[in-house]
N, C-alpha and C. Protein backbone atom coordinates (compact mmCIF):
# COMPACT_ATOMS: atom_id res chain seq x y z
N MET A 1 -32.58 8.97 -47.90
CA MET A 1 -32.13 8.00 -46.83
C MET A 1 -30.68 7.67 -46.78
N GLU A 2 -30.06 7.51 -48.11
CA GLU A 2 -28.79 7.15 -48.15
C GLU A 2 -27.88 8.29 -47.84
N SER A 3 -28.31 9.68 -48.30
CA SER A 3 -27.58 10.91 -47.93
C SER A 3 -27.61 11.02 -46.26
N SER A 4 -28.77 10.69 -45.72
CA SER A 4 -28.91 10.84 -44.26
C SER A 4 -27.88 9.96 -43.64
N LEU A 5 -27.78 8.74 -44.07
CA LEU A 5 -26.87 7.74 -43.45
C LEU A 5 -25.45 8.21 -43.64
N LYS A 6 -25.11 8.80 -44.68
CA LYS A 6 -23.61 9.21 -44.94
C LYS A 6 -23.43 10.41 -44.00
N ASN A 7 -24.37 11.21 -43.89
CA ASN A 7 -24.14 12.50 -42.94
C ASN A 7 -24.05 11.98 -41.40
N MET A 8 -24.73 10.93 -41.11
CA MET A 8 -24.66 10.53 -39.87
C MET A 8 -23.24 9.82 -39.58
N ILE A 9 -22.80 8.91 -40.45
CA ILE A 9 -21.58 8.39 -40.44
C ILE A 9 -20.33 9.45 -40.45
N LEU A 10 -20.59 10.62 -41.18
CA LEU A 10 -19.61 11.60 -41.25
C LEU A 10 -19.50 12.30 -39.84
N THR A 11 -20.75 12.54 -39.26
CA THR A 11 -20.73 13.26 -37.98
C THR A 11 -20.26 12.47 -37.05
N LEU A 12 -20.33 11.04 -36.95
CA LEU A 12 -19.80 10.20 -35.81
C LEU A 12 -18.26 10.20 -36.06
N LEU A 13 -17.86 10.10 -37.18
CA LEU A 13 -16.29 10.19 -37.62
C LEU A 13 -15.78 11.45 -36.91
N THR A 14 -16.50 12.61 -37.27
CA THR A 14 -16.01 13.93 -36.79
C THR A 14 -16.02 13.97 -35.22
N ILE A 15 -16.88 13.40 -34.68
CA ILE A 15 -17.04 13.47 -33.03
C ILE A 15 -16.01 12.69 -32.61
N THR A 16 -15.74 11.35 -33.31
CA THR A 16 -14.55 10.48 -32.73
C THR A 16 -13.10 11.09 -32.79
N LEU A 17 -12.96 11.77 -34.02
CA LEU A 17 -11.73 12.61 -34.28
C LEU A 17 -11.57 13.63 -33.33
N VAL A 18 -12.53 14.43 -32.99
CA VAL A 18 -12.41 15.52 -32.14
C VAL A 18 -12.12 14.93 -30.70
N ALA A 19 -12.81 13.90 -30.35
CA ALA A 19 -12.62 13.35 -29.00
C ALA A 19 -11.27 12.74 -28.76
N SER A 20 -10.73 12.04 -29.81
CA SER A 20 -9.36 11.59 -29.81
C SER A 20 -8.30 12.73 -29.63
N LEU A 21 -8.39 13.64 -30.43
CA LEU A 21 -7.53 14.91 -30.29
C LEU A 21 -7.63 15.45 -28.99
N ALA A 22 -8.77 15.49 -28.38
CA ALA A 22 -8.91 16.04 -26.98
C ALA A 22 -8.25 15.52 -25.94
N VAL A 23 -8.47 14.13 -26.11
CA VAL A 23 -7.62 13.06 -25.14
C VAL A 23 -6.23 13.26 -25.48
N GLY A 24 -5.77 13.46 -26.43
CA GLY A 24 -4.41 13.38 -26.76
C GLY A 24 -3.75 14.82 -26.17
N VAL A 25 -4.64 16.03 -26.39
CA VAL A 25 -4.19 17.23 -25.80
C VAL A 25 -4.25 17.10 -24.19
N VAL A 26 -5.27 16.59 -23.61
CA VAL A 26 -5.17 16.57 -22.35
C VAL A 26 -4.10 15.71 -21.72
N TYR A 27 -3.77 14.48 -22.30
CA TYR A 27 -2.79 13.68 -21.90
C TYR A 27 -1.45 14.52 -21.97
N ARG A 28 -1.06 15.31 -23.02
CA ARG A 28 0.13 15.94 -23.03
C ARG A 28 0.12 17.09 -22.02
N ILE A 29 -0.90 17.57 -21.71
CA ILE A 29 -1.05 18.74 -20.73
C ILE A 29 -0.56 18.28 -19.49
N THR A 30 -1.33 17.00 -19.02
CA THR A 30 -1.24 16.47 -17.70
C THR A 30 -0.07 15.63 -17.53
N ALA A 31 0.37 14.94 -18.46
CA ALA A 31 1.69 14.11 -18.41
C ALA A 31 2.99 14.75 -17.60
N GLY A 32 3.33 15.92 -18.04
CA GLY A 32 4.29 16.67 -17.25
C GLY A 32 4.06 16.85 -15.77
N PRO A 33 2.91 17.47 -15.33
CA PRO A 33 2.59 17.61 -13.96
C PRO A 33 2.60 16.46 -13.26
N ILE A 34 2.02 15.36 -13.86
CA ILE A 34 1.96 14.07 -12.99
C ILE A 34 3.32 13.67 -12.79
N ALA A 35 4.19 13.64 -13.97
CA ALA A 35 5.52 13.02 -13.72
C ALA A 35 6.43 13.80 -12.63
N GLU A 36 6.12 15.19 -12.63
CA GLU A 36 6.66 16.13 -11.60
C GLU A 36 6.42 15.70 -10.31
N ALA A 37 4.91 15.34 -10.17
CA ALA A 37 4.52 15.00 -8.88
C ALA A 37 4.94 13.66 -8.33
N LYS A 38 5.03 12.68 -9.21
CA LYS A 38 5.78 11.62 -8.75
C LYS A 38 7.20 11.68 -8.39
N ALA A 39 7.97 12.50 -9.19
CA ALA A 39 9.30 12.88 -8.79
C ALA A 39 9.41 13.57 -7.52
N ALA A 40 8.67 14.51 -7.24
CA ALA A 40 8.54 15.07 -6.02
C ALA A 40 8.46 14.28 -4.86
N LYS A 41 7.39 13.25 -4.97
CA LYS A 41 7.20 12.30 -3.97
C LYS A 41 8.24 11.45 -3.67
N ILE A 42 9.03 11.11 -4.70
CA ILE A 42 10.30 10.39 -4.48
C ILE A 42 11.23 11.12 -3.84
N THR A 43 11.51 12.31 -4.20
CA THR A 43 12.36 13.26 -3.55
C THR A 43 12.20 13.47 -2.01
N GLN A 44 10.74 13.55 -1.82
CA GLN A 44 10.56 13.87 -0.29
C GLN A 44 10.77 12.48 0.45
N ALA A 45 10.53 11.38 -0.16
CA ALA A 45 10.77 10.14 0.62
C ALA A 45 12.14 10.02 0.74
N ILE A 46 12.85 10.34 -0.17
CA ILE A 46 14.40 10.17 0.02
C ILE A 46 14.93 11.12 1.19
N ALA A 47 14.44 12.35 1.05
CA ALA A 47 14.85 13.24 2.32
C ALA A 47 14.41 12.69 3.62
N LYS A 48 13.36 11.95 3.73
CA LYS A 48 12.84 11.36 5.08
C LYS A 48 13.62 10.24 5.51
N VAL A 49 14.23 9.44 4.55
CA VAL A 49 15.07 8.25 4.89
C VAL A 49 16.68 8.38 5.01
N LEU A 50 17.18 9.65 4.69
CA LEU A 50 18.57 9.76 4.76
C LEU A 50 18.86 10.88 5.69
N PRO A 51 19.99 10.99 6.31
CA PRO A 51 20.64 12.25 6.93
C PRO A 51 20.53 13.22 5.80
N PRO A 52 20.78 14.53 6.37
CA PRO A 52 20.90 15.67 5.34
C PRO A 52 22.05 15.49 4.36
N PHE A 53 21.71 15.74 3.08
CA PHE A 53 22.62 15.59 1.93
C PHE A 53 22.44 16.81 1.20
N ASP A 54 23.54 17.23 0.36
CA ASP A 54 23.55 18.50 -0.46
C ASP A 54 23.64 18.21 -1.85
N ASN A 55 23.48 16.83 -2.19
CA ASN A 55 23.45 16.64 -3.79
C ASN A 55 21.92 16.44 -4.21
N ARG A 56 21.82 15.93 -5.43
CA ARG A 56 20.49 15.60 -5.79
C ARG A 56 20.38 14.13 -6.27
N PRO A 57 20.10 13.32 -5.14
CA PRO A 57 20.12 11.95 -5.47
C PRO A 57 19.34 11.32 -6.65
N GLY A 58 18.27 12.07 -7.12
CA GLY A 58 17.43 11.56 -8.12
C GLY A 58 18.10 11.81 -9.68
N ASP A 59 19.23 12.47 -9.58
CA ASP A 59 19.98 12.86 -10.86
C ASP A 59 20.86 11.57 -11.22
N SER A 60 21.17 10.73 -10.27
CA SER A 60 22.00 9.74 -10.55
C SER A 60 21.31 8.23 -9.96
N VAL A 61 20.24 8.08 -10.18
CA VAL A 61 19.55 6.77 -9.72
C VAL A 61 20.09 5.49 -10.59
N GLN A 62 20.34 4.42 -9.84
CA GLN A 62 20.52 3.37 -10.41
C GLN A 62 19.35 2.27 -10.26
N ALA A 63 19.08 1.39 -11.42
CA ALA A 63 17.87 0.76 -11.47
C ALA A 63 18.49 -0.94 -11.35
N LEU A 64 17.93 -1.78 -10.63
CA LEU A 64 18.41 -3.30 -10.63
C LEU A 64 17.24 -4.04 -10.57
N ALA A 65 17.33 -5.13 -11.46
CA ALA A 65 16.13 -6.04 -11.66
C ALA A 65 16.42 -7.02 -10.59
N ILE A 66 15.36 -7.40 -9.77
CA ILE A 66 15.59 -8.51 -8.80
C ILE A 66 14.13 -8.99 -8.47
N ASP A 67 14.28 -10.40 -8.33
CA ASP A 67 12.96 -11.04 -7.98
C ASP A 67 11.76 -10.66 -8.72
N GLY A 68 11.91 -10.33 -9.96
CA GLY A 68 10.60 -10.21 -10.78
C GLY A 68 10.36 -8.81 -10.77
N GLY A 69 10.93 -7.83 -10.10
CA GLY A 69 10.73 -6.48 -10.22
C GLY A 69 11.73 -5.38 -10.30
N GLU A 70 11.87 -4.39 -10.02
CA GLU A 70 12.94 -3.30 -10.14
C GLU A 70 13.23 -2.56 -8.74
N ILE A 71 14.27 -2.47 -8.43
CA ILE A 71 14.80 -1.67 -7.42
C ILE A 71 15.55 -0.52 -7.81
N LYS A 72 15.28 0.66 -7.16
CA LYS A 72 16.03 1.86 -7.55
C LYS A 72 16.83 2.17 -6.42
N ILE A 73 18.07 2.67 -6.77
CA ILE A 73 19.01 3.02 -5.46
C ILE A 73 19.49 4.50 -5.87
N TYR A 74 19.33 5.34 -4.76
CA TYR A 74 19.64 6.78 -4.82
C TYR A 74 20.83 6.91 -3.88
N GLN A 75 21.95 7.62 -4.09
CA GLN A 75 22.94 7.99 -3.23
C GLN A 75 23.11 9.28 -2.62
N GLY A 76 22.98 9.45 -1.39
CA GLY A 76 22.97 10.91 -0.80
C GLY A 76 24.45 11.25 -0.45
N THR A 77 24.87 12.45 -0.80
CA THR A 77 26.07 12.87 -0.27
C THR A 77 26.18 14.09 0.25
N ARG A 78 27.08 14.39 1.30
CA ARG A 78 27.23 15.77 1.73
C ARG A 78 28.78 16.26 1.42
N GLN A 79 28.97 17.26 1.11
CA GLN A 79 30.35 17.49 0.70
C GLN A 79 31.12 16.64 0.18
N GLY A 80 30.68 15.72 -0.77
CA GLY A 80 31.52 14.87 -1.43
C GLY A 80 31.52 13.33 -0.77
N GLN A 81 31.04 13.49 0.59
CA GLN A 81 31.01 12.29 1.32
C GLN A 81 29.74 11.31 1.26
N THR A 82 29.64 10.28 1.18
CA THR A 82 28.39 9.58 1.17
C THR A 82 27.74 9.56 2.60
N VAL A 83 26.59 9.78 2.53
CA VAL A 83 25.97 9.88 3.81
C VAL A 83 24.87 8.66 3.92
N GLY A 84 24.53 8.21 2.80
CA GLY A 84 23.59 6.87 2.90
C GLY A 84 23.05 6.68 1.56
N TYR A 85 22.32 5.49 1.45
CA TYR A 85 21.68 5.00 0.36
C TYR A 85 20.23 4.94 0.53
N ALA A 86 19.50 5.51 -0.32
CA ALA A 86 17.98 5.36 -0.20
C ALA A 86 17.54 4.31 -1.42
N ILE A 87 17.02 3.49 -1.00
CA ILE A 87 16.56 2.29 -1.89
C ILE A 87 15.07 1.96 -2.06
N GLU A 88 14.57 2.34 -3.07
CA GLU A 88 13.24 2.02 -3.44
C GLU A 88 12.87 0.58 -3.70
N THR A 89 12.26 -0.13 -2.79
CA THR A 89 12.05 -1.51 -2.71
C THR A 89 10.61 -1.97 -2.72
N PHE A 90 10.40 -3.24 -2.90
CA PHE A 90 9.03 -3.68 -2.94
C PHE A 90 8.75 -5.02 -2.44
N SER A 91 7.57 -5.55 -2.16
CA SER A 91 7.42 -6.86 -1.93
C SER A 91 5.94 -7.16 -2.71
N ASN A 92 5.81 -8.33 -3.21
CA ASN A 92 4.81 -8.72 -3.88
C ASN A 92 3.83 -9.62 -2.96
N ASN A 93 4.29 -9.70 -1.87
CA ASN A 93 3.49 -10.42 -0.83
C ASN A 93 2.51 -10.04 0.22
N GLY A 94 2.14 -8.63 -0.01
CA GLY A 94 1.15 -8.00 0.72
C GLY A 94 -0.33 -8.63 0.51
N PHE A 95 -1.03 -8.53 1.73
CA PHE A 95 -2.32 -9.01 1.73
C PHE A 95 -3.19 -8.40 0.49
N GLY A 96 -3.01 -7.10 0.21
CA GLY A 96 -3.70 -6.28 -0.72
C GLY A 96 -2.93 -6.19 -2.08
N GLY A 97 -1.62 -6.77 -2.25
CA GLY A 97 -0.94 -6.89 -3.41
C GLY A 97 0.53 -6.22 -3.10
N ILE A 98 1.01 -5.62 -4.07
CA ILE A 98 2.31 -5.06 -3.79
C ILE A 98 2.49 -3.94 -2.94
N ILE A 99 3.66 -4.01 -2.36
CA ILE A 99 3.98 -2.80 -1.35
C ILE A 99 5.31 -2.14 -1.71
N ARG A 100 5.22 -1.01 -1.98
CA ARG A 100 6.51 -0.14 -1.99
C ARG A 100 7.09 0.74 -1.02
N LEU A 101 8.14 0.67 -0.67
CA LEU A 101 8.76 1.31 0.26
C LEU A 101 10.14 2.12 -0.08
N MET A 102 10.45 3.14 0.74
CA MET A 102 11.70 3.64 0.47
C MET A 102 12.50 3.25 1.68
N ALA A 103 13.45 2.67 1.78
CA ALA A 103 14.40 2.33 2.89
C ALA A 103 15.76 3.01 2.83
N GLY A 104 16.15 3.85 3.94
CA GLY A 104 17.45 4.55 3.95
C GLY A 104 18.45 3.68 4.83
N PHE A 105 19.66 3.59 4.25
CA PHE A 105 20.71 2.99 4.95
C PHE A 105 21.93 3.81 5.07
N LEU A 106 22.64 3.85 6.31
CA LEU A 106 23.77 4.42 6.56
C LEU A 106 24.97 3.73 5.89
N PRO A 107 26.04 4.35 5.72
CA PRO A 107 27.19 3.53 4.86
C PRO A 107 27.60 2.38 5.67
N ASP A 108 27.39 2.11 6.88
CA ASP A 108 27.63 0.93 7.64
C ASP A 108 26.44 -0.20 7.62
N GLY A 109 25.45 0.13 6.79
CA GLY A 109 24.45 -0.80 6.65
C GLY A 109 23.32 -0.71 7.63
N THR A 110 23.45 0.24 8.54
CA THR A 110 22.22 0.54 9.69
C THR A 110 21.23 1.21 8.70
N ILE A 111 19.81 0.81 9.04
CA ILE A 111 18.81 1.35 8.71
C ILE A 111 18.44 2.65 9.33
N TYR A 112 18.53 3.66 8.56
CA TYR A 112 18.16 4.99 9.09
C TYR A 112 16.59 5.18 9.27
N ARG A 113 15.84 5.11 8.22
CA ARG A 113 14.57 5.29 8.32
C ARG A 113 13.82 4.48 7.04
N VAL A 114 12.62 4.14 7.33
CA VAL A 114 11.65 3.58 6.20
C VAL A 114 10.53 4.32 5.97
N GLU A 115 10.17 4.59 4.79
CA GLU A 115 8.92 5.17 4.41
C GLU A 115 8.06 4.46 3.58
N THR A 116 6.84 4.37 3.58
CA THR A 116 5.96 3.69 2.69
C THR A 116 5.51 4.61 1.65
N LEU A 117 5.85 4.03 0.36
CA LEU A 117 5.31 4.80 -0.74
C LEU A 117 4.08 4.46 -1.27
N SER A 118 3.69 3.19 -1.38
CA SER A 118 2.15 2.82 -1.71
C SER A 118 2.03 1.56 -1.10
N GLN A 119 0.77 1.25 -0.76
CA GLN A 119 0.19 -0.08 -0.38
C GLN A 119 -1.33 -0.06 -0.51
N SER A 120 -1.78 -1.43 -0.42
CA SER A 120 -3.30 -1.56 -0.59
C SER A 120 -3.74 -2.37 0.42
N GLU A 121 -3.30 -2.28 1.61
CA GLU A 121 -3.66 -3.27 2.78
C GLU A 121 -4.80 -3.03 3.42
N THR A 122 -5.30 -3.90 4.09
CA THR A 122 -6.49 -3.67 4.82
C THR A 122 -6.74 -2.46 5.65
N PRO A 123 -7.69 -1.50 5.49
CA PRO A 123 -7.66 -0.40 6.38
C PRO A 123 -7.95 -0.75 7.85
N GLY A 124 -7.30 -0.12 8.77
CA GLY A 124 -7.45 -0.51 10.14
C GLY A 124 -6.50 -1.76 10.72
N LEU A 125 -5.93 -2.37 9.60
CA LEU A 125 -5.09 -3.51 10.01
C LEU A 125 -3.70 -3.37 9.22
N GLY A 126 -3.67 -3.89 8.13
CA GLY A 126 -2.32 -3.86 7.48
C GLY A 126 -1.70 -2.57 7.09
N ASP A 127 -2.84 -1.59 6.79
CA ASP A 127 -2.51 -0.12 6.55
C ASP A 127 -1.72 0.55 7.70
N LYS A 128 -1.65 -0.25 8.82
CA LYS A 128 -0.93 0.34 10.12
C LYS A 128 0.53 0.38 9.74
N MET A 129 1.08 -0.08 8.73
CA MET A 129 2.42 0.03 8.33
C MET A 129 2.88 1.50 8.08
N GLU A 130 1.65 2.28 7.75
CA GLU A 130 1.91 3.95 7.68
C GLU A 130 2.26 4.42 8.79
N LYS A 131 3.24 5.27 8.85
CA LYS A 131 3.69 5.96 10.15
C LYS A 131 2.69 6.84 10.85
N THR A 132 1.75 7.30 9.99
CA THR A 132 0.65 8.12 10.49
C THR A 132 -0.51 7.24 11.33
N LYS A 133 -0.35 5.88 11.11
CA LYS A 133 -1.40 5.06 11.72
C LYS A 133 -0.90 4.08 12.83
N SER A 134 0.34 4.16 12.85
CA SER A 134 1.01 3.19 13.95
C SER A 134 2.44 3.46 14.14
N ASP A 135 3.07 2.95 15.10
CA ASP A 135 4.41 3.05 15.35
C ASP A 135 5.36 1.87 14.79
N PHE A 136 4.56 0.87 14.00
CA PHE A 136 5.15 -0.25 13.44
C PHE A 136 6.53 -0.04 12.76
N ALA A 137 6.47 1.06 11.70
CA ALA A 137 7.75 1.22 11.07
C ALA A 137 8.79 1.80 11.76
N LEU A 138 8.59 2.42 12.96
CA LEU A 138 9.68 2.98 13.92
C LEU A 138 10.72 1.98 14.26
N GLN A 139 10.19 0.71 14.50
CA GLN A 139 11.17 -0.36 15.28
C GLN A 139 12.33 -0.71 14.16
N PHE A 140 12.37 -0.23 12.89
CA PHE A 140 13.23 -0.46 12.05
C PHE A 140 14.34 0.70 12.18
N ASP A 141 13.91 1.84 12.52
CA ASP A 141 14.94 2.92 12.76
C ASP A 141 16.25 2.57 13.62
N ASN A 142 17.21 2.84 12.93
CA ASN A 142 18.58 2.78 13.63
C ASN A 142 18.96 1.35 13.92
N LYS A 143 18.47 0.44 13.22
CA LYS A 143 18.88 -0.90 13.56
C LYS A 143 19.60 -1.51 12.47
N ASN A 144 20.67 -2.25 12.77
CA ASN A 144 21.41 -2.90 11.69
C ASN A 144 21.05 -4.35 11.44
N PRO A 145 20.69 -4.77 10.11
CA PRO A 145 20.21 -6.07 9.81
C PRO A 145 21.43 -7.12 10.06
N GLY A 146 22.56 -6.78 10.28
CA GLY A 146 23.45 -7.63 10.67
C GLY A 146 23.26 -8.29 12.03
N THR A 147 22.51 -7.53 12.90
CA THR A 147 22.22 -8.13 14.32
C THR A 147 20.78 -8.04 14.66
N PHE A 148 19.96 -7.42 13.73
CA PHE A 148 18.52 -7.10 13.98
C PHE A 148 17.86 -8.17 12.88
N ARG A 149 17.45 -9.19 13.15
CA ARG A 149 16.86 -10.21 12.15
C ARG A 149 15.57 -9.65 11.49
N LEU A 150 15.58 -9.61 10.17
CA LEU A 150 14.53 -9.08 9.33
C LEU A 150 13.54 -10.05 8.95
N SER A 151 12.82 -10.50 9.95
CA SER A 151 11.75 -11.26 9.84
C SER A 151 10.77 -11.17 11.06
N VAL A 152 9.65 -11.41 11.05
CA VAL A 152 8.75 -11.28 12.02
C VAL A 152 8.97 -12.32 13.14
N LYS A 153 8.60 -11.91 14.49
CA LYS A 153 9.03 -12.80 15.73
C LYS A 153 8.38 -14.33 15.50
N LYS A 154 7.14 -14.46 14.92
CA LYS A 154 6.46 -15.62 14.62
C LYS A 154 7.49 -16.60 13.83
N ASP A 155 8.36 -15.88 12.96
CA ASP A 155 9.16 -16.68 11.92
C ASP A 155 10.65 -16.73 12.47
N GLY A 156 10.73 -16.35 13.86
CA GLY A 156 12.06 -16.28 14.36
C GLY A 156 12.87 -15.09 14.35
N GLY A 157 12.29 -14.11 13.84
CA GLY A 157 13.07 -12.70 13.72
C GLY A 157 12.85 -11.97 14.83
N ASP A 158 13.10 -10.58 14.57
CA ASP A 158 12.96 -9.53 15.73
C ASP A 158 11.99 -8.57 15.55
N VAL A 159 11.12 -8.67 14.41
CA VAL A 159 10.22 -7.73 14.07
C VAL A 159 8.91 -8.10 14.75
N ASP A 160 8.42 -6.96 15.43
CA ASP A 160 7.03 -7.13 16.00
C ASP A 160 6.04 -6.80 15.12
N ALA A 161 5.35 -7.88 14.71
CA ALA A 161 4.23 -7.85 13.60
C ALA A 161 3.07 -6.96 14.06
N ILE A 162 2.28 -6.38 13.14
CA ILE A 162 1.07 -5.61 13.54
C ILE A 162 0.03 -6.59 13.83
N THR A 163 -0.69 -6.25 15.07
CA THR A 163 -1.57 -7.12 15.42
C THR A 163 -2.65 -7.59 14.51
N ALA A 164 -2.89 -8.75 14.30
CA ALA A 164 -3.92 -9.32 13.29
C ALA A 164 -3.66 -8.95 11.87
N ALA A 165 -2.29 -8.70 11.51
CA ALA A 165 -1.83 -8.41 10.17
C ALA A 165 -0.33 -8.84 10.03
N THR A 166 -0.28 -10.03 10.18
CA THR A 166 1.03 -10.84 10.05
C THR A 166 1.45 -10.71 8.48
N ILE A 167 0.64 -11.13 7.61
CA ILE A 167 0.82 -11.10 6.24
C ILE A 167 1.48 -9.72 5.88
N SER A 168 0.82 -8.64 6.16
CA SER A 168 1.39 -7.27 5.81
C SER A 168 2.67 -7.00 6.43
N SER A 169 2.79 -7.37 7.82
CA SER A 169 3.89 -7.35 8.45
C SER A 169 5.19 -8.00 7.61
N ARG A 170 4.88 -9.40 7.28
CA ARG A 170 5.90 -9.99 6.77
C ARG A 170 6.34 -9.47 5.23
N ALA A 171 5.30 -9.02 4.50
CA ALA A 171 5.56 -8.10 3.35
C ALA A 171 6.35 -6.93 3.41
N TYR A 172 6.26 -6.20 4.39
CA TYR A 172 6.94 -5.01 4.75
C TYR A 172 8.37 -5.35 5.17
N THR A 173 8.48 -6.33 6.01
CA THR A 173 9.81 -6.90 6.39
C THR A 173 10.60 -7.31 5.14
N ASP A 174 9.80 -8.11 4.32
CA ASP A 174 10.45 -8.68 3.13
C ASP A 174 10.98 -7.52 2.25
N ALA A 175 10.07 -6.47 2.13
CA ALA A 175 10.75 -5.34 1.28
C ALA A 175 11.92 -4.66 1.79
N VAL A 176 11.93 -4.53 3.10
CA VAL A 176 13.40 -3.91 3.76
C VAL A 176 14.32 -4.84 3.64
N ALA A 177 14.04 -6.32 3.81
CA ALA A 177 15.24 -7.19 3.74
C ALA A 177 15.75 -7.22 2.19
N ARG A 178 14.83 -7.11 1.14
CA ARG A 178 15.26 -7.00 -0.14
C ARG A 178 16.10 -5.82 -0.42
N ALA A 179 15.88 -4.61 0.21
CA ALA A 179 16.58 -3.46 0.08
C ALA A 179 18.10 -3.86 0.68
N TYR A 180 18.05 -4.40 1.73
CA TYR A 180 19.30 -4.54 2.46
C TYR A 180 20.18 -5.45 1.66
N LYS A 181 19.59 -6.47 1.07
CA LYS A 181 20.29 -7.32 0.12
C LYS A 181 20.92 -6.37 -1.03
N VAL A 182 20.35 -5.45 -1.65
CA VAL A 182 20.71 -4.71 -2.69
C VAL A 182 21.93 -3.86 -2.14
N PHE A 183 21.64 -3.33 -0.80
CA PHE A 183 22.61 -2.64 -0.23
C PHE A 183 24.00 -3.29 -0.26
N GLY A 184 23.94 -4.39 0.18
CA GLY A 184 25.16 -5.31 0.33
C GLY A 184 25.80 -5.42 -1.09
N GLN A 185 24.95 -5.67 -1.97
CA GLN A 185 25.40 -5.91 -3.44
C GLN A 185 26.27 -4.59 -3.97
N ILE A 186 25.46 -3.57 -3.68
CA ILE A 186 26.23 -2.22 -4.52
C ILE A 186 27.30 -1.70 -3.64
N THR A 187 27.52 -2.04 -2.19
CA THR A 187 28.50 -1.56 -1.40
C THR A 187 29.66 -2.61 -1.27
N GLY A 188 29.16 -3.74 -1.43
CA GLY A 188 30.06 -4.80 -1.19
C GLY A 188 30.51 -5.12 0.18
N THR A 189 29.53 -4.70 1.24
CA THR A 189 29.84 -4.63 2.52
C THR A 189 29.41 -5.97 3.13
N THR A 190 29.82 -6.30 4.31
CA THR A 190 29.36 -7.36 5.11
C THR A 190 28.71 -7.00 6.35
N ASP A 191 27.81 -7.83 6.89
CA ASP A 191 27.15 -7.76 8.13
C ASP A 191 28.06 -7.84 9.23
N LYS A 192 27.58 -7.61 10.61
CA LYS A 192 28.46 -7.79 11.87
C LYS A 192 28.75 -9.19 12.10
N THR A 193 28.26 -10.09 11.29
CA THR A 193 28.58 -11.52 11.60
C THR A 193 29.74 -12.08 10.63
N GLY A 194 30.24 -11.02 9.77
CA GLY A 194 31.19 -11.35 8.85
C GLY A 194 30.72 -12.09 7.61
N LYS A 195 29.37 -12.31 7.39
CA LYS A 195 28.84 -12.72 6.26
C LYS A 195 28.35 -11.73 5.33
N GLU A 196 28.18 -12.02 3.95
CA GLU A 196 27.81 -10.96 3.04
C GLU A 196 26.43 -10.56 3.39
N ALA A 197 26.02 -9.27 3.28
CA ALA A 197 24.75 -8.86 3.61
C ALA A 197 23.73 -9.65 2.59
N ASN A 198 22.85 -10.31 3.09
CA ASN A 198 21.86 -11.04 2.46
C ASN A 198 20.44 -10.83 2.60
N HIS A 199 19.51 -11.26 1.85
CA HIS A 199 18.18 -11.20 2.05
C HIS A 199 17.56 -12.32 2.59
N GLU A 200 17.06 -12.39 3.85
CA GLU A 200 16.49 -13.52 4.67
C GLU A 200 15.29 -13.91 4.15
């Protein structure tokens, strides 16, 4: 009986050890491809929000802690001249939680494009921030926050909210405004009213 118990314990320990090793091997095998896939998604988002560039923005990323989170800044250049800044931004105020965007700015502060990186908003409502589901995000293209107020119209701004999804619209706008604030900080630029670029 005692021998049988020892054999059972030894068998369980062996199974646990083999399973742990297998998990470790799988992690090592998949960690690289997962990281590469994430990097590729970021690179694609940068390419969508900036004019054509010939450098590799991901090679010189800057990170900045702000509002309890982290923003990443990628500078795009062409023939040595800056064509714009892609800013990976966020808002914690989404209806379904955190929203992550990539916002592209031209050197003068004009928003070139904005792309959604991740969101968990309500299907059919807040998820209309995705360009594949509505034109909501297009209203930011080619707007300069110096004159285009980054808040929804209900709050006195210039942004048309998604119907029945004001919270999601506010969160999206908040993320873009946060990116614009960072743009002002890293470039030392001012908006068209002569004030330092800031987050509304």
